[in-house]
Every structure is written in structure tokens, then in C-alpha cells.
Protein backbone atom coordinates (compact mmCIF):
# COMPACT_ATOMS: atom_id res chain seq x y z
CA MET A 1 25.03 -27.95 17.32
CA LEU A 2 27.17 -26.06 14.67
CA VAL A 3 24.45 -22.78 12.78
CA GLY A 4 25.24 -21.34 9.86
CA VAL A 5 23.78 -18.67 8.42
CA PRO A 6 24.71 -17.86 4.40
CA LYS A 7 24.88 -14.86 2.14
CA GLU A 8 21.18 -14.26 0.77
CA ILE A 9 21.54 -14.33 -3.39
CA LYS A 10 17.55 -13.52 -4.17
CA SER A 11 18.08 -10.07 -6.16
CA GLN A 12 18.06 -7.21 -3.95
CA GLU A 13 17.67 -8.90 -1.01
CA TYR A 14 20.46 -7.36 1.72
CA ARG A 15 18.37 -9.43 5.25
CA VAL A 16 20.37 -11.89 7.22
CA GLY A 17 18.93 -15.03 9.26
CA LEU A 18 21.00 -14.42 12.42
CA VAL A 19 22.16 -10.70 13.51
CA PRO A 20 24.90 -10.95 15.69
CA ALA A 21 22.60 -10.37 19.32
CA SER A 22 21.34 -13.28 17.94
CA VAL A 23 24.42 -15.08 17.53
CA ARG A 24 25.90 -14.02 21.13
CA GLU A 25 22.94 -16.05 22.17
CA LEU A 26 23.23 -18.96 20.71
CA VAL A 27 27.45 -18.98 21.78
CA HIS A 28 25.66 -18.59 24.80
CA HIS A 29 23.74 -21.49 25.09
CA GLY A 30 27.05 -23.76 23.84
CA HIS A 31 26.74 -23.54 20.14
CA ASP A 32 29.01 -22.93 17.17
CA VAL A 33 27.94 -20.28 14.62
CA ILE A 34 29.64 -20.35 10.73
CA ILE A 35 28.24 -16.85 8.62
CA GLU A 36 29.13 -16.52 4.91
CA THR A 37 31.64 -13.47 4.60
CA LYS A 38 29.70 -10.40 3.78
CA ALA A 39 26.19 -11.91 5.00
CA GLY A 40 25.56 -9.04 6.88
CA TRP A 41 27.33 -6.06 4.51
CA GLY A 42 23.78 -5.29 2.90
CA ILE A 43 22.71 -3.55 6.27
CA GLY A 44 26.14 -2.13 8.01
CA ILE A 45 27.04 -5.74 10.07
CA ARG A 46 30.57 -6.27 9.01
CA ASP A 47 32.35 -9.32 9.62
CA GLN A 48 34.04 -8.13 12.31
CA ASP A 49 30.60 -7.62 14.41
CA TYR A 50 29.61 -11.79 13.75
CA GLU A 51 33.22 -12.60 14.82
CA ALA A 52 32.86 -10.48 17.99
CA ALA A 53 29.76 -12.16 18.96
CA GLY A 54 31.53 -15.13 18.30
CA ALA A 55 30.91 -16.70 15.40
CA LYS A 56 33.72 -18.31 12.19
CA ILE A 57 33.48 -16.33 8.90
CA VAL A 58 33.93 -18.87 5.98
CA ASN A 59 34.12 -17.61 2.02
CA ALA A 60 31.52 -19.34 0.53
CA ALA A 61 27.80 -20.51 1.16
CA ALA A 62 29.51 -24.21 0.05
CA ASP A 63 30.71 -24.23 3.25
CA ILE A 64 27.79 -23.21 5.64
CA PHE A 65 25.69 -25.60 3.30
CA THR A 66 28.69 -28.45 3.52
CA GLN A 67 29.00 -27.91 7.34
CA ALA A 68 26.10 -27.20 9.14
CA ASP A 69 23.35 -29.01 11.00
CA MET A 70 20.64 -26.53 10.68
CA VAL A 71 20.82 -23.62 8.31
CA VAL A 72 19.07 -20.29 8.74
CA LYS A 73 18.22 -17.83 6.34
CA VAL A 74 15.28 -15.42 5.10
CA LYS A 75 14.16 -15.56 1.89
CA GLU A 76 13.55 -19.56 0.31
CA PRO A 77 16.50 -21.44 -0.76
CA GLN A 78 17.03 -20.69 -4.72
CA PRO A 79 17.51 -23.78 -7.10
CA LYS A 80 21.12 -23.79 -6.56
CA GLU A 81 20.79 -24.02 -2.75
CA CYS A 82 17.72 -26.48 -2.69
CA LYS A 83 20.98 -28.72 -4.99
CA MET A 84 23.67 -27.81 -1.55
CA LEU A 85 21.11 -29.31 1.02
CA ARG A 86 21.83 -32.43 2.97
CA GLU A 87 19.37 -35.51 3.86
CA GLY A 88 18.90 -34.39 7.29
CA GLN A 89 19.94 -30.80 7.85
CA VAL A 90 17.51 -28.47 9.26
CA LEU A 91 16.07 -25.10 7.18
CA PHE A 92 14.68 -22.59 8.87
CA THR A 93 13.40 -20.35 6.34
CA TYR A 94 10.94 -18.50 5.17
CA LEU A 95 9.34 -21.18 2.42
CA HIS A 96 5.89 -19.93 0.38
CA LEU A 97 6.25 -23.69 -1.25
CA ALA A 98 2.11 -23.16 -2.58
CA PRO A 99 2.64 -21.40 -5.36
CA ASP A 100 5.94 -22.77 -5.60
CA PRO A 101 6.67 -26.59 -7.24
CA GLN A 102 9.99 -26.01 -8.14
CA GLN A 103 11.83 -24.85 -5.11
CA THR A 104 9.57 -27.82 -3.62
CA HIS A 105 10.60 -30.83 -5.38
CA GLY A 106 14.43 -29.59 -5.12
CA LEU A 107 13.48 -29.70 -0.89
CA ILE A 108 11.91 -32.90 -1.25
CA GLU A 109 14.80 -33.78 -3.64
CA SER A 110 17.24 -33.20 -1.31
CA LYS A 111 15.32 -35.14 1.91
CA CYS A 112 16.43 -32.25 4.42
CA VAL A 113 14.25 -30.92 7.15
CA ALA A 114 12.67 -27.79 5.79
CA ILE A 115 10.60 -25.43 8.41
CA GLY A 116 9.06 -22.05 7.43
CA TYR A 117 8.69 -19.38 9.09
CA GLU A 118 5.49 -19.03 7.57
CA THR A 119 3.29 -21.42 9.52
CA VAL A 120 5.01 -21.00 12.76
CA THR A 121 1.64 -20.92 14.78
CA ASP A 122 1.16 -18.90 18.22
CA ASN A 123 -1.49 -19.66 21.13
CA PHE A 124 -3.24 -16.84 19.70
CA ARG A 125 -3.82 -18.16 16.72
CA GLY A 126 -1.47 -15.61 14.64
CA LEU A 127 2.28 -15.92 12.42
CA PRO A 128 3.94 -15.10 14.65
CA LEU A 129 7.46 -15.25 12.32
CA LEU A 130 4.84 -13.85 9.26
CA ALA A 131 3.77 -11.13 11.69
CA PRO A 132 6.90 -8.47 11.94
CA MET A 133 7.69 -8.79 8.33
CA SER A 134 3.98 -8.75 7.47
CA GLU A 135 3.76 -4.89 10.12
CA VAL A 136 6.99 -3.77 7.29
CA ALA A 137 4.77 -5.12 4.11
CA GLY A 138 1.40 -3.17 5.29
CA ARG A 139 3.51 0.10 6.09
CA LEU A 140 5.35 -0.38 2.85
CA SER A 141 2.36 -1.16 0.83
CA ILE A 142 1.10 2.20 0.93
CA GLN A 143 4.63 3.47 0.52
CA ALA A 144 5.21 2.18 -2.51
CA GLY A 145 1.93 3.02 -3.38
CA ALA A 146 1.67 6.43 -3.65
CA HIS A 147 5.11 6.44 -4.90
CA CYS A 148 2.94 4.50 -7.68
CA LEU A 149 0.30 6.71 -7.95
CA GLU A 150 3.06 9.32 -9.15
CA LYS A 151 2.34 10.56 -12.60
CA ALA A 152 6.69 9.91 -13.48
CA GLN A 153 5.81 6.50 -12.36
CA GLY A 154 3.04 5.41 -14.43
CA GLY A 155 0.20 6.46 -12.19
CA SER A 156 -2.32 8.68 -12.44
CA GLY A 157 -0.86 11.85 -10.82
CA VAL A 158 -2.67 12.16 -7.07
CA LEU A 159 -1.24 13.04 -3.95
CA LEU A 160 -2.81 10.43 -1.32
CA GLY A 161 -4.22 13.41 1.72
CA GLY A 162 -5.15 15.72 -1.47
CA VAL A 163 -4.66 19.26 -0.06
CA PRO A 164 -7.21 22.33 0.85
CA GLY A 165 -9.89 22.02 -1.83
CA VAL A 166 -9.11 19.30 -3.36
CA SER A 167 -10.36 15.74 -1.93
CA SER A 168 -8.17 12.63 -0.55
CA SER A 169 -7.48 9.51 -2.79
CA SER A 170 -9.32 6.45 -2.04
CA VAL A 171 -7.50 3.61 -1.04
CA VAL A 172 -9.11 0.43 -0.21
CA VAL A 173 -7.70 -2.51 1.66
CA ILE A 174 -8.93 -6.05 1.00
CA GLY A 175 -7.85 -8.18 4.73
CA GLY A 176 -7.78 -6.89 7.52
CA GLY A 177 -5.34 -9.04 9.06
CA VAL A 178 -1.66 -8.11 10.20
CA VAL A 179 -0.37 -6.78 6.76
CA GLY A 180 -4.04 -5.09 5.95
CA THR A 181 -3.89 -3.34 9.99
CA ASN A 182 -0.59 -1.90 9.06
CA ALA A 183 -1.31 -0.39 5.84
CA ILE A 184 -4.71 1.31 6.96
CA ARG A 185 -2.60 2.98 9.89
CA MET A 186 -0.12 3.91 7.61
CA ALA A 187 -2.79 5.31 4.90
CA MET A 188 -4.60 6.99 7.19
CA GLY A 189 -1.70 8.64 8.80
CA LYS A 190 -1.61 10.22 4.82
CA GLU A 191 -4.96 11.40 5.06
CA ALA A 192 -6.76 8.82 2.74
CA ASN A 193 -9.93 7.82 2.19
CA VAL A 194 -9.51 4.37 3.68
CA THR A 195 -12.19 1.70 2.79
CA VAL A 196 -11.21 -2.19 3.83
CA ILE A 197 -12.85 -4.80 3.07
CA ASP A 198 -12.74 -7.81 4.90
CA LYS A 199 -14.73 -11.56 5.40
CA SER A 200 -14.70 -11.79 9.25
CA LEU A 201 -17.55 -9.26 11.10
CA ASN A 202 -15.38 -9.67 14.27
CA ARG A 203 -12.34 -7.98 12.69
CA LEU A 204 -14.41 -5.28 11.18
CA LYS A 205 -16.42 -4.65 15.17
CA GLU A 206 -12.28 -4.43 15.72
CA LEU A 207 -10.88 -2.61 13.66
CA ASP A 208 -13.96 0.06 13.95
CA LEU A 209 -13.02 0.16 17.03
CA GLN A 210 -9.40 0.40 16.53
CA PHE A 211 -9.58 3.50 13.80
CA GLY A 212 -12.87 4.84 14.52
CA ALA A 213 -15.16 6.35 12.07
CA LYS A 214 -12.71 7.41 9.78
CA LEU A 215 -12.46 4.08 8.90
CA ASN A 216 -14.46 2.33 6.48
CA THR A 217 -15.62 -1.65 7.61
CA ILE A 218 -17.36 -3.04 4.35
CA TYR A 219 -18.10 -6.88 4.48
CA ALA A 220 -16.09 -8.57 1.76
CA THR A 221 -18.45 -10.21 -1.16
CA VAL A 222 -17.64 -10.37 -4.95
CA GLU A 223 -19.89 -7.36 -5.75
CA SER A 224 -18.52 -5.60 -3.22
CA ILE A 225 -15.27 -5.49 -4.11
CA GLU A 226 -15.76 -5.19 -7.44
CA GLU A 227 -17.70 -1.89 -6.60
CA TYR A 228 -14.89 -0.58 -4.25
CA ALA A 229 -12.70 -1.60 -6.10
CA LYS A 230 -13.56 0.13 -8.95
CA HIS A 231 -13.05 3.59 -7.39
CA ALA A 232 -9.92 3.14 -5.63
CA ASP A 233 -6.77 5.28 -6.66
CA LEU A 234 -4.69 2.80 -4.54
CA LEU A 235 -5.90 -1.22 -3.92
CA VAL A 236 -3.76 -2.95 -1.35
CA GLY A 237 -3.58 -7.15 -1.86
CA ALA A 238 -3.53 -8.17 1.71
CA VAL A 239 -5.47 -11.47 2.06
CA LEU A 240 -3.77 -14.81 3.38
CA ILE A 241 -4.43 -18.56 3.86
CA PRO A 242 -1.65 -19.67 5.72
CA GLY A 243 1.17 -22.22 3.86
CA GLY A 244 -1.98 -22.43 1.13
CA ALA A 245 -1.97 -19.72 -2.46
CA ALA A 246 -4.07 -17.13 -2.02
CA PRO A 247 -7.35 -16.63 -3.44
CA LYS A 248 -7.41 -14.21 -6.72
CA LEU A 249 -10.18 -11.99 -6.21
CA VAL A 250 -10.07 -9.14 -8.29
CA THR A 251 -10.29 -9.67 -11.57
CA ARG A 252 -9.28 -8.41 -15.00
CA ASP A 253 -12.68 -7.65 -15.45
CA MET A 254 -12.76 -5.87 -12.15
CA LEU A 255 -9.60 -4.06 -13.36
CA LYS A 256 -10.90 -3.30 -16.69
CA LYS A 257 -13.31 -0.51 -14.27
CA MET A 258 -10.70 1.09 -12.72
CA ARG A 259 -9.35 4.04 -13.44
CA PRO A 260 -6.77 4.10 -15.18
CA GLY A 261 -3.01 4.86 -13.87
CA SER A 262 -4.60 3.57 -10.25
CA VAL A 263 -2.29 1.70 -8.17
CA ILE A 264 -2.38 -2.13 -7.18
CA VAL A 265 -0.11 -3.67 -4.07
CA ASP A 266 -0.48 -7.42 -4.47
CA VAL A 267 1.58 -8.05 -1.40
CA ALA A 268 -0.33 -11.55 -1.22
CA ILE A 269 2.17 -12.06 -4.41
CA ASP A 270 4.40 -14.30 -2.35
CA GLN A 271 1.47 -16.68 -2.01
CA GLY A 272 0.61 -16.67 -5.55
CA GLY A 273 -1.30 -13.14 -5.54
CA CYS A 274 -5.01 -11.58 -4.40
CA PHE A 275 -4.96 -10.13 -8.39
CA GLU A 276 -5.33 -12.15 -11.38
CA THR A 277 -3.07 -10.27 -13.46
CA SER A 278 -0.19 -9.98 -11.06
CA ARG A 279 2.97 -11.63 -11.67
CA PRO A 280 6.04 -11.24 -9.49
CA THR A 281 8.08 -8.14 -9.50
CA THR A 282 11.58 -7.09 -8.00
CA HIS A 283 13.05 -4.06 -6.24
CA GLU A 284 15.09 -3.65 -9.18
CA ASP A 285 12.07 -3.98 -11.96
CA PRO A 286 8.91 -3.38 -9.10
CA THR A 287 6.61 -2.37 -11.11
CA PHE A 288 4.36 -3.02 -14.94
CA ILE A 289 1.72 -1.75 -16.45
CA GLU A 290 -1.67 -3.98 -17.79
CA GLU A 291 -5.15 -2.89 -18.59
CA ASP A 292 -3.75 0.98 -17.75
CA ILE A 293 -3.03 0.16 -13.73
CA VAL A 294 0.18 0.07 -12.16
CA HIS A 295 0.99 -3.05 -10.37
CA TYR A 296 3.89 -3.00 -7.53
CA CYS A 297 4.60 -7.10 -6.88
CA VAL A 298 7.69 -7.41 -5.76
CA ALA A 299 8.07 -11.03 -4.04
CA ASN A 300 10.03 -9.61 -0.66
CA MET A 301 8.41 -6.31 -0.07
CA PRO A 302 10.14 -5.55 3.43
CA GLY A 303 14.03 -6.79 1.62
CA ALA A 304 13.35 -2.89 0.76
CA VAL A 305 14.29 -1.52 4.07
CA PRO A 306 16.05 -4.66 4.87
CA ARG A 307 18.10 -3.96 8.64
CA THR A 308 14.73 -2.78 10.12
CA SER A 309 13.44 -6.29 9.10
CA THR A 310 16.74 -8.04 10.18
CA PHE A 311 16.47 -6.85 13.03
CA ALA A 312 12.21 -7.31 13.27
CA LEU A 313 12.25 -10.71 12.04
CA ASN A 314 15.44 -11.52 14.48
CA ASN A 315 13.08 -11.19 17.55
CA ALA A 316 11.04 -12.76 16.63
CA THR A 317 12.92 -16.34 15.43
CA LEU A 318 15.47 -16.31 17.94
CA PRO A 319 13.75 -18.63 20.79
CA PHE A 320 12.80 -21.17 17.61
CA VAL A 321 16.43 -20.91 16.79
CA LEU A 322 17.42 -21.57 20.24
CA ALA A 323 14.49 -24.30 21.08
CA LEU A 324 15.69 -26.22 17.63
CA ALA A 325 19.76 -25.81 18.36
CA ASP A 326 18.89 -26.78 22.27
CA LYS A 327 16.62 -29.91 21.64
CA GLY A 328 17.41 -30.96 18.15
CA TYR A 329 14.81 -30.34 15.23
CA LYS A 330 12.77 -33.55 16.39
CA GLN A 331 12.20 -32.80 20.46
CA ALA A 332 11.63 -29.09 19.76
CA LEU A 333 8.98 -30.01 17.34
CA ARG A 334 7.26 -32.65 19.78
CA ASP A 335 7.65 -30.20 22.95
CA ASP A 336 6.39 -27.34 20.55
CA GLU A 337 2.95 -28.30 18.64
CA HIS A 338 3.07 -24.00 17.08
CA LEU A 339 7.10 -24.92 15.41
CA ARG A 340 5.73 -28.20 15.11
CA ASN A 341 3.21 -26.19 12.82
CA GLY A 342 6.15 -25.33 10.43
CA LEU A 343 7.60 -28.16 9.38
CA ASN A 344 6.61 -28.74 5.65
CA VAL A 345 9.39 -30.64 4.24
CA HIS A 346 10.69 -33.97 6.05
CA HIS A 347 13.11 -36.61 4.78
CA GLY A 348 11.35 -36.35 1.07
CA ASN A 349 7.95 -35.89 2.41
CA ILE A 350 5.43 -32.83 2.18
CA THR A 351 3.87 -32.05 5.74
CA TYR A 352 2.05 -29.37 5.53
CA LYS A 353 -1.68 -29.84 3.94
CA ALA A 354 -1.94 -26.99 2.38
CA VAL A 355 1.07 -27.31 0.43
CA SER A 356 0.01 -31.14 -0.44
CA GLU A 357 -3.04 -30.12 -1.76
CA ALA A 358 -1.81 -26.91 -4.02
CA LEU A 359 0.69 -29.08 -5.65
CA GLY A 360 -1.75 -32.58 -5.96
CA ILE A 361 1.31 -33.67 -3.93
CA ASP A 362 1.05 -36.66 -1.56
CA TYR A 363 0.73 -35.46 2.79
CA VAL A 364 2.07 -37.10 5.42
CA SER A 365 1.36 -35.59 8.57
CA VAL A 366 4.08 -34.14 10.92
CA GLU A 367 3.47 -36.51 13.72
CA SER A 368 4.03 -39.70 11.70
CA VAL A 369 6.97 -38.56 10.41
CA LEU A 370 7.98 -38.01 14.64
CA GLN A 371 7.44 -40.90 16.13
């Protein structure tokens, strides 16, 4: 198979679909790899590094989309990229289709085979290709939130951990999954007072055992979210419905009750955001203020640390890339139910139910398209 990797074109996105070690593995399996020139320059990977691993360097993204049997990316294809996709061409990348009708219709019109990292599953009911970026985003949420609390950034001017004689700040994390767990770990490391809110009692018990008495664990209700959000210096939205739109858990009225200068970090923004007032921002212009609350809603948070993120992502995606290349996408999907769960669009049909429901587009089962 000919596997192609274009340079990412989303604003401030320096991650890359394959690193040289992954290229070398594909070549070892008998596949050809083409990389757009300077695809890895933003994280210190030179064209020569790819060539040494066995890849061929091409001059433009159009060369990738025209030639490759499978395109491996990081971020969702932008409109100009959707127009370059070919019928039957495999696209393996993050998609996040539920809040993005423009991209969804672009993929439908292209009649490509779009497999989304974020809906591939594992034996533990986890999302193994979302997990590494969720780990990064969870840790970054506290780092970014602490920075936004500085007065120069519009924040209330508090230090997360306080100092002797001055109380620590209050950090509230909504959602105790991978993002939330990593946010908790970082916030506690900075000596903040940390509360996690989740609707799963089992998960709250696990977090209590993991972090001990210093973590305040609260069952999620409208009332508990409102009460704890009201007193939070930093509020992190870390909820996820796999493949679907995030629920709006914090309303504008709740925000009005927070102290001016408090900060919210909406890690769920890729799926539409879990705060009513959220809207996507970029690394170039990451924040806005609404209801006197600083909003950090960067849609590709792990892009802030692209080298760490790229290598972490490749560790998770490589086995699936190899399976798709070695077997062809149909056989790979037939053989692996977890990879099969990643199929979102197939030859003009939506094959992921949560996307179908979110956008009101007819659903076609994966099983029927793989017959």
C-alpha cells in the first residue's frame, strides 16, 4: 500500500501523522510512504530523517492526496483537503464529526473511507487513540488555566497553590475520565484544592482510591455542578460522549454566579464544548472573556506541545496503521471490531450512529457496508 502524510494546515498545528520510526516500520512491512516536504519541521523532524527511514518526499499536499491509497493525518481535514480526497481513499485521522456538519458533508461528497481515531475502542471500553491526547490535554488544562488566572491574562490574579498564609485556589474538574484524571494529577501537584464531579460512583471510588483524601469527589447533578462551579477559580470541562456532541453542563446563568476573573478550560470543545458560552479558539488567540469569566477553548490543545503529542499519538496509532496497510481496510475492519468502531464515513454514507443522530443524517451500519 502507498501511505501518504500531508503537512497539517490547521492554524498553529505542528503535529504530524507519522514519525520516522513509524515510516520505517511500514517500509519494513513492504509498504511505500510519501511525506509532504517539511511535514515534521515544526517538531524538529527533517525531510532527511524521513528519507533515511525509507520515505519519499513530495512537494505538495496535492501529491499526497492524488497518489496515496491511505492518508494518515492528525487533525480533521480542512475544506480544501476534503476536496482533494478521492472515492475509496482511506483517511485515518481525528474527525470529531458530530459538531462539524461542513466537514461531514465534505467527507460524504468525497466518497472516501474515513476512520476516526476518536471512536476506535479497546477491550477495556476505552478509546486508545484518544487517550494519549486526552492525557496531554488534561495536563495542559491546568497549565493553561494557571496562566489564564494571571492578572495580565484577564484572570483574577491568584496562584493555584497559594503560599504560606494564603489559601490555595479551588480547581473543579467536571468528568473523571482520562482528561479529568490527568487534570486532577497536575492540579494536585500544584497544591490546589481539587474537586472532581462525575456521574459514575464507581469512577469516583476509583479516583478516591487513587488520589486519597486530598481529592474531593462529588456526584454529578445540576445542583452540585452549579454549587461547585460558583466557587471555582479554575473550572475544567473534561466530559466526553464518544463520537457525539458534548452535553452543555454549565449554563450562562451558572457562569454569572462565578467570581469575575475565574477561568474555564473547555477540553470538550472538539466535540462542541460542555459550557454554554464556549466557542472554539486557536493557539494564536486562545481566550475570550464572557460574563467576566476567562474562556480557554482551544480546539487542538495538544498542538501546544506538538513533539510530545506526536510521539505519544504514533505509539497508539501505529498498530492500526499497519493493520490497515497490511490487510487493506475492509479486511482490517472485519478482523478487528475495535478498529471497525472507528469507521465514520464510507463511500458517501455515515456509519457512526452518534454522528448520524447529532447531524440528522441517515445511518448505515458498518456491517452492511463491509459485506
